Amino acid sequence: MRWIAGLITVLSLAVVPLAARTEVVDQVWAGHPVAFALAASDKHLFVGYYGADRRLTVAERDISGGAWRYTRLDTSVGWDSHNYIAMAIDSVERLHVAANMHVSPLTYYTAAKPDDAESLRRVPVLIDPTRELRMTYPVFLKDRAGRLIFRYRDGGSGNGNDIYTVCDGRTWAPLLNVPLTDGEGKRNAYPVGPVVGPDGQFHLTWVWRETPDAATNHDLSYARSADLSHWQKADGTPLVLPMTYESAEIVDPVPVGGGMINNNTLIGFDADARPLIAYHKYDAAGHTQIYVARFEEDHWRVVQASDWTGYRWEFGGNGSLIFEVTLKAAYARGDEVIVPVTRQGVATELHLRATDLSRVAETPAPPSRFAADIKGVAIPADMQLNQVELDAGGHHYLLAWATLPQNRDRPRDVVPPPVPLMLFEK
């Protein structure tokens, strides 16, 4: 493989002068992609990552800069790209870290002191050890009162429930007495969000999946809530929890094998604060297309946003996939709705008329905030650049590091040496 010879030279990152402040946080694992994390308090910046030896590590420095301080935790990542890192800071400035879980027992740490990663300690149980043995997809968020919420899936792909817990001081308790979504032992929901909209409500979208095979995703669904406890359909009809496939609101009844994949259904908002759900599925000719759904008065309007010909992303099977199509949340710009999309590495924008969501054009995406900065990161042809962004306290941060691509969560016989984890700040 081309990355073996001269990898150290290629990734030494002799960076040309950049607009962003640039620094190397550490050397990190590069054998496969798994998402790292950023979090910031008023005083400190935290970076969560898997180090050169695969150990979960948190680097911390003052928000204004200075030397990094490193805390190595007692878990190491294997080959599974699902085992991403989630981090959050609560209302009293304590750091929380959850990571390295894919249908696995709880792996969660909380700091004993504010603004102090070195005081992180493992918490063996949140609430009930019998319910914390098969956890995946940890997500931290905050409710409208500022309380820290921890969401995760209990169970496996094709058979799982969505669980919400709340931290009150140092104690975790169920936010809901039942799961938010329940696969009833037959399927599971793959939620994206909840996202706080301009209306102050939490908006959630998801697909259902029948089995671990990614081709069995189906039926785009939606719900909203003012408090994460009481949920309703888009028209305000209350929903009884847990939401099941039979009781949930179906936005688009995409069938099994219909070209829709989990974790790629994004919620944005138009100029009137109405949610916009961007996703992809096959059109009548079998081509992959981007679609946008918007609730209007008493129904969901579903439109085809792209007009691609001769392209079909055929996917299926188990394990982490290489996504040929990725989406960002749609948003209003002038009298248009913009849908950012990347297809096979090419970033574009789909332009729709705001009035009826009819197609206007597809244009190249404008450069991102850090586009000029990451040009200094040379990536070998066989590797990919991974990025995580954070906006906090008027600062904009970008983590960037190279890895080999996904390999269906299977081990490789030969792996590259560690690579630099770069942090850009503006």
Protein backbone atom coordinates (compact mmCIF):
# COMPACT_ATOMS: atom_id res chain seq x y z
CA MET A 1 0.00 0.00 0.00
CA ARG A 2 1.23 3.49 -0.90
CA TRP A 3 0.76 4.87 2.60
CA ILE A 4 3.46 2.64 4.11
CA ALA A 5 6.43 4.14 2.35
CA GLY A 6 7.13 7.64 3.54
CA LEU A 7 4.03 7.94 5.70
CA ILE A 8 5.85 9.83 8.42
CA THR A 9 7.12 12.33 5.88
CA VAL A 10 3.72 12.72 4.24
CA LEU A 11 1.94 13.32 7.55
CA SER A 12 4.63 15.45 9.15
CA LEU A 13 2.38 18.38 8.21
CA ALA A 14 4.92 21.02 7.36
CA VAL A 15 2.06 23.48 7.30
CA VAL A 16 2.38 26.65 5.26
CA PRO A 17 1.27 29.88 6.97
CA LEU A 18 -2.42 29.58 7.69
CA ALA A 19 -5.18 31.96 8.73
CA ALA A 20 -6.12 29.67 11.60
CA ARG A 21 -4.07 29.02 14.68
CA THR A 22 -2.71 25.51 14.20
CA GLU A 23 -1.26 22.98 16.65
CA VAL A 24 -0.65 19.27 17.02
CA VAL A 25 -2.62 17.83 19.94
CA ASP A 26 -1.05 14.35 19.93
CA GLN A 27 -0.26 11.32 17.77
CA VAL A 28 -3.34 9.15 17.23
CA TRP A 29 -4.55 5.79 15.92
CA ALA A 30 -4.98 5.68 12.12
CA GLY A 31 -6.04 2.09 11.40
CA HIS A 32 -9.71 2.98 10.89
CA PRO A 33 -12.00 6.00 11.32
CA VAL A 34 -13.88 6.51 14.56
CA ALA A 35 -15.24 9.92 15.53
CA PHE A 36 -13.33 11.99 18.09
CA ALA A 37 -14.87 14.81 20.17
CA LEU A 38 -14.44 18.43 21.20
CA ALA A 39 -15.92 20.27 24.19
CA ALA A 40 -15.28 23.69 25.68
CA SER A 41 -16.10 25.47 28.91
CA ASP A 42 -15.52 29.15 29.57
CA LYS A 43 -11.98 28.39 30.67
CA HIS A 44 -10.85 25.09 29.13
CA LEU A 45 -10.84 23.22 25.83
CA PHE A 46 -11.10 19.40 25.82
CA VAL A 47 -10.26 16.95 23.03
CA GLY A 48 -11.32 13.30 23.25
CA TYR A 49 -9.54 10.79 21.01
CA TYR A 50 -7.96 7.36 20.73
CA GLY A 51 -4.22 7.72 21.06
CA ALA A 52 -1.38 6.04 19.21
CA ASP A 53 -1.87 2.92 21.36
CA ARG A 54 -5.70 3.05 20.88
CA ARG A 55 -6.29 4.20 24.48
CA LEU A 56 -9.12 6.62 25.12
CA THR A 57 -7.44 9.92 25.99
CA VAL A 58 -8.63 13.41 26.89
CA ALA A 59 -6.32 16.35 26.20
CA GLU A 60 -7.04 19.60 28.01
CA ARG A 61 -5.65 23.12 27.82
CA ASP A 62 -6.64 26.65 28.75
CA ILE A 63 -9.10 28.19 26.32
CA SER A 64 -6.53 30.85 25.45
CA GLY A 65 -3.82 28.31 24.63
CA GLY A 66 -0.79 26.87 26.35
CA ALA A 67 0.44 23.35 27.05
CA TRP A 68 -1.80 20.32 26.75
CA ARG A 69 -2.45 18.10 29.77
CA TYR A 70 -3.30 14.46 29.03
CA THR A 71 -5.58 12.02 30.86
CA ARG A 72 -5.46 8.41 29.68
CA LEU A 73 -8.54 6.36 30.52
CA ASP A 74 -8.94 2.62 31.02
CA THR A 75 -10.48 1.57 27.69
CA SER A 76 -9.05 0.97 24.22
CA VAL A 77 -10.79 0.90 20.85
CA GLY A 78 -10.77 -2.21 18.68
CA TRP A 79 -11.72 -2.13 14.99
CA ASP A 80 -15.28 -0.89 15.25
CA SER A 81 -16.06 2.52 13.72
CA HIS A 82 -19.30 2.68 15.74
CA ASN A 83 -17.30 3.24 18.93
CA TYR A 84 -17.18 7.02 18.70
CA ILE A 85 -16.52 9.44 21.56
CA ALA A 86 -19.20 11.70 23.07
CA MET A 87 -18.31 14.53 25.46
CA ALA A 88 -20.24 17.26 27.26
CA ILE A 89 -19.87 19.81 30.03
CA ASP A 90 -22.67 20.15 32.56
CA SER A 91 -24.05 23.24 34.29
CA VAL A 92 -21.33 23.17 36.96
CA GLU A 93 -18.50 22.79 34.40
CA ARG A 94 -17.87 19.08 34.99
CA LEU A 95 -16.74 17.05 31.98
CA HIS A 96 -18.62 13.87 30.96
CA VAL A 97 -17.20 11.32 28.51
CA ALA A 98 -18.89 8.25 26.98
CA ALA A 99 -17.12 6.12 24.38
CA ASN A 100 -16.15 2.74 22.96
CA MET A 101 -19.62 1.19 23.02
CA HIS A 102 -21.27 -0.90 20.31
CA VAL A 103 -23.78 -3.28 21.89
CA SER A 104 -21.41 -3.11 24.87
CA PRO A 105 -21.60 -2.47 28.62
CA LEU A 106 -21.55 1.14 29.79
CA THR A 107 -18.22 2.95 29.29
CA TYR A 108 -18.72 6.36 30.90
CA TYR A 109 -16.59 8.78 32.93
CA THR A 110 -17.36 11.97 34.82
CA ALA A 111 -15.03 14.51 36.37
CA ALA A 112 -15.01 14.98 40.13
CA LYS A 113 -13.94 18.61 39.76
CA PRO A 114 -15.04 21.42 37.45
CA ASP A 115 -12.78 22.11 34.46
CA ASP A 116 -10.51 19.19 35.33
CA ALA A 117 -10.13 16.21 32.99
CA GLU A 118 -7.54 14.68 35.29
CA SER A 119 -10.33 14.06 37.82
CA LEU A 120 -12.29 11.88 35.37
CA ARG A 121 -13.40 8.62 37.00
CA ARG A 122 -15.26 5.68 35.52
CA VAL A 123 -18.90 5.37 36.54
CA PRO A 124 -19.86 1.68 36.38
CA VAL A 125 -23.65 2.17 36.49
CA LEU A 126 -25.94 5.01 35.50
CA ILE A 127 -29.24 3.66 36.84
CA ASP A 128 -29.80 -0.06 36.27
CA PRO A 129 -26.90 -2.42 35.46
CA THR A 130 -29.27 -4.92 33.84
CA ARG A 131 -30.26 -2.25 31.26
CA GLU A 132 -26.72 -1.07 30.59
CA LEU A 133 -25.11 -4.12 29.01
CA ARG A 134 -25.87 -3.56 25.30
CA MET A 135 -25.36 0.17 24.75
CA THR A 136 -24.63 2.01 21.49
CA TYR A 137 -24.75 5.57 20.11
CA PRO A 138 -24.21 7.70 23.23
CA VAL A 139 -25.43 11.28 22.85
CA PHE A 140 -25.26 14.14 25.37
CA LEU A 141 -27.66 17.07 25.12
CA LYS A 142 -29.34 19.57 27.42
CA ASP A 143 -33.00 20.22 28.08
CA ARG A 144 -34.51 23.68 28.31
CA ALA A 145 -33.69 23.83 32.03
CA GLY A 146 -30.02 23.21 31.27
CA ARG A 147 -29.98 19.69 32.70
CA LEU A 148 -27.65 17.19 31.05
CA ILE A 149 -29.45 14.43 29.12
CA PHE A 150 -27.81 11.17 28.08
CA ARG A 151 -29.43 9.23 25.24
CA TYR A 152 -28.35 5.79 24.00
CA ARG A 153 -29.68 2.72 22.23
CA ASP A 154 -30.37 -0.31 24.37
CA GLY A 155 -29.99 -3.40 22.19
CA GLY A 156 -28.69 -4.18 18.74
CA SER A 157 -29.31 -3.20 15.16
CA GLY A 158 -32.72 -4.55 14.21
CA ASN A 159 -33.70 -5.04 17.86
CA GLY A 160 -33.29 -2.00 20.13
CA ASN A 161 -34.90 0.82 22.10
CA ASP A 162 -34.02 4.51 22.53
CA ILE A 163 -33.36 5.41 26.20
CA TYR A 164 -33.23 8.91 27.76
CA THR A 165 -31.71 9.63 31.19
CA VAL A 166 -31.19 12.92 33.04
CA CYS A 167 -28.43 14.07 35.40
CA ASP A 168 -29.63 15.96 38.45
CA GLY A 169 -26.51 17.03 40.30
CA ARG A 170 -24.38 13.91 40.42
CA THR A 171 -27.20 11.39 40.14
CA TRP A 172 -28.70 9.93 36.97
CA ALA A 173 -32.39 9.08 36.74
CA PRO A 174 -34.75 8.05 33.95
CA LEU A 175 -36.07 11.02 32.03
CA LEU A 176 -38.83 8.78 30.69
CA ASN A 177 -40.36 5.77 32.40
CA VAL A 178 -40.35 3.93 29.07
CA PRO A 179 -38.11 4.06 25.99
CA LEU A 180 -38.76 6.92 23.59
CA THR A 181 -38.86 4.48 20.67
CA ASP A 182 -39.42 0.75 21.03
CA GLY A 183 -38.59 -1.78 18.34
CA GLU A 184 -40.74 -4.38 20.13
CA GLY A 185 -38.03 -6.98 19.60
CA LYS A 186 -38.60 -6.80 15.84
CA ARG A 187 -36.65 -3.71 14.72
CA ASN A 188 -35.03 -0.53 16.00
CA ALA A 189 -35.12 3.20 15.29
CA TYR A 190 -32.04 5.11 14.13
CA PRO A 191 -32.66 8.66 15.41
CA VAL A 192 -30.84 11.82 14.37
CA GLY A 193 -31.17 14.59 16.96
CA PRO A 194 -33.09 15.86 18.80
CA VAL A 195 -32.28 19.26 17.27
CA VAL A 196 -33.45 22.48 18.91
CA GLY A 197 -35.31 24.54 16.34
CA PRO A 198 -35.87 28.29 16.10
CA ASP A 199 -39.26 27.62 17.70
CA GLY A 200 -37.50 26.41 20.86
CA GLN A 201 -38.79 22.86 20.43
CA PHE A 202 -36.80 19.65 20.05
CA HIS A 203 -37.19 18.00 16.64
CA LEU A 204 -36.32 14.35 16.00
CA THR A 205 -36.23 12.26 12.85
CA TRP A 206 -35.39 8.62 12.36
CA VAL A 207 -35.65 5.56 10.15
CA TRP A 208 -36.65 2.07 11.22
CA ARG A 209 -34.47 -0.97 10.53
CA GLU A 210 -35.57 -4.59 10.49
CA THR A 211 -32.20 -6.39 10.75
CA PRO A 212 -28.47 -5.60 10.99
CA ASP A 213 -28.46 -5.40 7.16
CA ALA A 214 -28.25 -1.71 6.21
CA ALA A 215 -30.54 -2.31 3.23
CA THR A 216 -33.47 -2.95 5.60
CA ASN A 217 -33.89 0.69 6.65
CA HIS A 218 -37.38 1.98 5.94
CA ASP A 219 -40.08 4.55 6.77
CA LEU A 220 -38.78 8.03 7.58
CA SER A 221 -40.39 9.21 10.85
CA TYR A 222 -40.65 12.43 12.87
CA ALA A 223 -41.66 13.75 16.30
CA ARG A 224 -41.25 16.99 18.26
CA SER A 225 -41.21 17.96 21.94
CA ALA A 226 -41.04 21.06 24.09
CA ASP A 227 -39.43 19.28 27.06
CA LEU A 228 -38.09 15.88 25.81
CA SER A 229 -40.75 14.18 27.93
CA HIS A 230 -43.99 14.90 26.08
CA TRP A 231 -43.92 14.24 22.35
CA GLN A 232 -46.26 14.97 19.49
CA LYS A 233 -46.69 14.68 15.75
CA ALA A 234 -46.06 17.59 13.41
CA ASP A 235 -49.73 18.64 13.63
CA GLY A 236 -49.65 18.71 17.44
CA THR A 237 -51.32 15.34 18.02
CA PRO A 238 -49.91 13.85 21.27
CA LEU A 239 -47.92 10.66 20.94
CA VAL A 240 -48.13 7.86 23.48
CA LEU A 241 -44.71 6.58 24.55
CA PRO A 242 -42.95 4.49 23.64
CA MET A 243 -43.34 5.27 19.97
CA THR A 244 -43.50 2.09 17.91
CA TYR A 245 -43.52 1.52 14.18
CA GLU A 246 -47.31 1.32 14.24
CA SER A 247 -47.83 4.50 16.31
CA ALA A 248 -45.09 6.78 14.97
CA GLU A 249 -45.69 9.52 12.42
CA ILE A 250 -44.46 8.41 9.00
CA VAL A 251 -43.10 11.25 6.87
CA ASP A 252 -42.22 9.12 3.84
CA PRO A 253 -43.06 5.38 3.65
CA VAL A 254 -39.75 4.38 2.05
CA PRO A 255 -39.77 0.58 1.75
CA VAL A 256 -37.07 -1.87 2.79
CA GLY A 257 -34.43 -1.76 0.04
CA GLY A 258 -35.57 1.73 -0.97
CA GLY A 259 -32.14 3.37 -0.81
CA MET A 260 -32.52 5.21 2.51
CA ILE A 261 -29.77 4.73 5.11
CA ASN A 262 -29.66 5.40 8.84
CA ASN A 263 -27.83 8.36 10.39
CA ASN A 264 -28.20 10.35 7.17
CA THR A 265 -31.57 12.04 7.79
CA LEU A 266 -30.86 15.68 8.71
CA ILE A 267 -33.23 18.26 10.19
CA GLY A 268 -32.92 21.92 9.24
CA PHE A 269 -35.42 24.81 9.21
CA ASP A 270 -36.81 27.25 6.69
CA ALA A 271 -37.35 30.98 7.15
CA ASP A 272 -40.70 30.29 8.82
CA ALA A 273 -39.12 27.90 11.37
CA ARG A 274 -40.70 24.86 9.72
CA PRO A 275 -38.56 21.70 9.92
CA LEU A 276 -36.90 20.48 6.73
CA ILE A 277 -35.85 16.83 6.62
CA ALA A 278 -33.17 16.00 4.04
CA TYR A 279 -32.51 12.35 3.15
CA HIS A 280 -31.93 10.10 0.16
CA LYS A 281 -33.72 7.19 -1.46
CA TYR A 282 -34.10 5.64 -4.91
CA ASP A 283 -36.33 7.34 -7.46
CA ALA A 284 -38.75 5.53 -9.75
CA ALA A 285 -35.88 4.72 -12.13
CA GLY A 286 -33.75 3.26 -9.35
CA HIS A 287 -31.31 6.18 -9.15
CA THR A 288 -30.18 7.61 -5.81
CA GLN A 289 -31.68 11.06 -5.25
CA ILE A 290 -31.85 13.61 -2.43
CA TYR A 291 -35.31 14.39 -1.08
CA VAL A 292 -36.60 17.09 1.27
CA ALA A 293 -39.76 16.84 3.39
CA ARG A 294 -41.56 19.82 4.95
CA PHE A 295 -44.76 19.82 6.99
CA GLU A 296 -47.27 22.24 5.44
CA GLU A 297 -50.61 22.88 7.19
CA ASP A 298 -51.84 19.28 7.52
CA HIS A 299 -49.46 17.11 5.49
CA TRP A 300 -45.83 16.46 4.65
CA ARG A 301 -44.71 17.79 1.28
CA VAL A 302 -41.99 15.49 -0.11
CA VAL A 303 -39.95 16.74 -3.07
CA GLN A 304 -37.03 15.39 -5.06
CA ALA A 305 -34.23 17.90 -4.57
CA SER A 306 -31.58 16.40 -6.88
CA ASP A 307 -31.75 15.45 -10.52
CA TRP A 308 -28.97 12.90 -10.84
CA THR A 309 -28.85 10.44 -13.71
CA GLY A 310 -27.01 7.16 -13.92
CA TYR A 311 -26.03 7.09 -10.26
CA ARG A 312 -27.16 4.51 -7.69
CA TRP A 313 -25.57 3.95 -4.30
CA GLU A 314 -26.15 0.27 -3.70
CA PHE A 315 -25.49 -0.61 -0.07
CA GLY A 316 -26.27 -3.38 2.36
CA GLY A 317 -24.81 -5.87 4.78
CA ASN A 318 -23.38 -5.43 8.26
CA GLY A 319 -20.64 -3.27 9.72
CA SER A 320 -19.63 0.35 9.17
CA LEU A 321 -20.08 1.43 5.56
CA ILE A 322 -18.20 3.95 3.46
CA PHE A 323 -20.86 6.61 2.86
CA GLU A 324 -20.92 7.68 -0.79
CA VAL A 325 -23.51 10.35 0.01
CA THR A 326 -23.54 12.57 3.09
CA LEU A 327 -25.88 15.42 3.95
CA LYS A 328 -25.90 18.52 6.10
CA ALA A 329 -29.00 20.23 7.45
CA ALA A 330 -31.02 22.24 4.93
CA TYR A 331 -31.40 25.96 5.66
CA ALA A 332 -32.97 29.14 4.31
CA ARG A 333 -30.93 31.60 2.26
CA GLY A 334 -32.81 34.48 0.73
CA ASP A 335 -35.79 33.14 -1.19
CA GLU A 336 -34.26 29.65 -1.42
CA VAL A 337 -33.74 26.55 0.65
CA ILE A 338 -30.18 25.20 0.43
CA VAL A 339 -29.34 21.52 0.89
CA PRO A 340 -25.59 20.84 1.30
CA VAL A 341 -24.63 17.41 -0.02
CA THR A 342 -21.42 15.52 -0.74
CA ARG A 343 -21.52 12.75 -3.33
CA GLN A 344 -18.45 10.58 -3.85
CA GLY A 345 -16.23 13.27 -2.35
CA VAL A 346 -17.66 16.22 -4.33
CA ALA A 347 -19.44 18.87 -2.23
CA THR A 348 -22.35 20.73 -3.82
CA GLU A 349 -25.45 22.71 -2.86
CA LEU A 350 -28.96 21.92 -4.01
CA HIS A 351 -31.06 25.08 -4.46
CA LEU A 352 -34.84 24.88 -3.98
CA ARG A 353 -37.47 27.61 -4.15
CA ALA A 354 -38.58 28.36 -0.63
CA THR A 355 -42.23 28.67 -1.64
CA ASP A 356 -42.79 25.17 -3.04
CA LEU A 357 -39.37 23.45 -2.73
CA SER A 358 -39.11 23.09 -6.48
CA ARG A 359 -35.63 22.53 -7.93
CA VAL A 360 -33.61 25.54 -9.04
CA ALA A 361 -30.02 24.37 -9.50
CA GLU A 362 -27.10 22.36 -8.14
CA THR A 363 -23.91 24.37 -7.69
CA PRO A 364 -20.44 23.73 -6.25
CA ALA A 365 -20.35 24.26 -2.49
CA PRO A 366 -18.52 27.39 -1.31
CA PRO A 367 -15.30 26.81 0.63
CA SER A 368 -15.77 25.87 4.26
CA ARG A 369 -14.44 28.05 7.06
CA PHE A 370 -11.28 25.95 7.36
CA ALA A 371 -10.91 24.96 3.69
CA ALA A 372 -7.72 26.96 3.14
CA ASP A 373 -6.22 25.75 6.41
CA ILE A 374 -6.64 22.02 5.85
CA LYS A 375 -4.95 22.28 2.46
CA GLY A 376 -1.75 22.09 4.48
CA VAL A 377 -2.68 18.57 5.59
CA ALA A 378 -1.29 16.15 2.99
CA ILE A 379 -3.25 12.88 2.93
CA PRO A 380 -2.01 9.78 1.08
CA ALA A 381 -4.27 8.43 -1.64
CA ASP A 382 -5.26 5.36 0.37
CA MET A 383 -6.31 7.37 3.44
CA GLN A 384 -9.05 9.84 4.27
CA LEU A 385 -9.24 13.05 6.27
CA ASN A 386 -11.57 12.97 9.27
CA GLN A 387 -12.91 16.20 10.76
CA VAL A 388 -14.84 17.34 13.84
CA GLU A 389 -15.95 20.96 14.31
CA LEU A 390 -17.06 22.93 17.35
CA ASP A 391 -18.29 26.51 17.73
CA ALA A 392 -18.09 27.70 21.34
CA GLY A 393 -17.69 31.02 23.07
CA GLY A 394 -16.97 32.89 19.85
CA HIS A 395 -14.23 30.43 18.88
CA HIS A 396 -14.34 28.03 15.93
CA TYR A 397 -12.39 24.77 16.20
CA LEU A 398 -11.62 22.00 13.76
CA LEU A 399 -9.96 18.65 14.52
CA ALA A 400 -8.40 16.89 11.53
CA TRP A 401 -6.59 13.57 11.28
CA ALA A 402 -5.94 10.90 8.66
CA THR A 403 -7.00 7.25 8.78
CA LEU A 404 -7.60 4.33 6.52
CA PRO A 405 -11.27 4.16 5.44
CA GLN A 406 -13.95 1.95 6.98
CA ASN A 407 -13.41 -1.78 6.62
CA ARG A 408 -16.80 -3.13 7.78
CA ASP A 409 -15.34 -3.15 11.32
CA ARG A 410 -12.92 -5.95 10.40
CA PRO A 411 -9.27 -6.02 11.47
CA ARG A 412 -6.51 -5.28 8.98
CA ASP A 413 -3.30 -7.28 8.75
CA VAL A 414 -1.15 -4.17 8.28
CA VAL A 415 -1.89 -0.75 9.73
CA PRO A 416 -0.22 2.65 9.32
CA PRO A 417 1.82 4.24 12.08
CA PRO A 418 0.21 6.91 14.26
CA VAL A 419 -0.59 10.27 12.70
CA PRO A 420 -0.78 13.84 14.05
CA LEU A 421 -4.09 15.06 15.40
CA MET A 422 -4.31 18.66 14.20
CA LEU A 423 -6.36 21.40 15.85
CA PHE A 424 -7.28 24.55 13.94
CA GLU A 425 -8.77 27.55 15.71
CA LYS A 426 -10.24 30.84 14.50
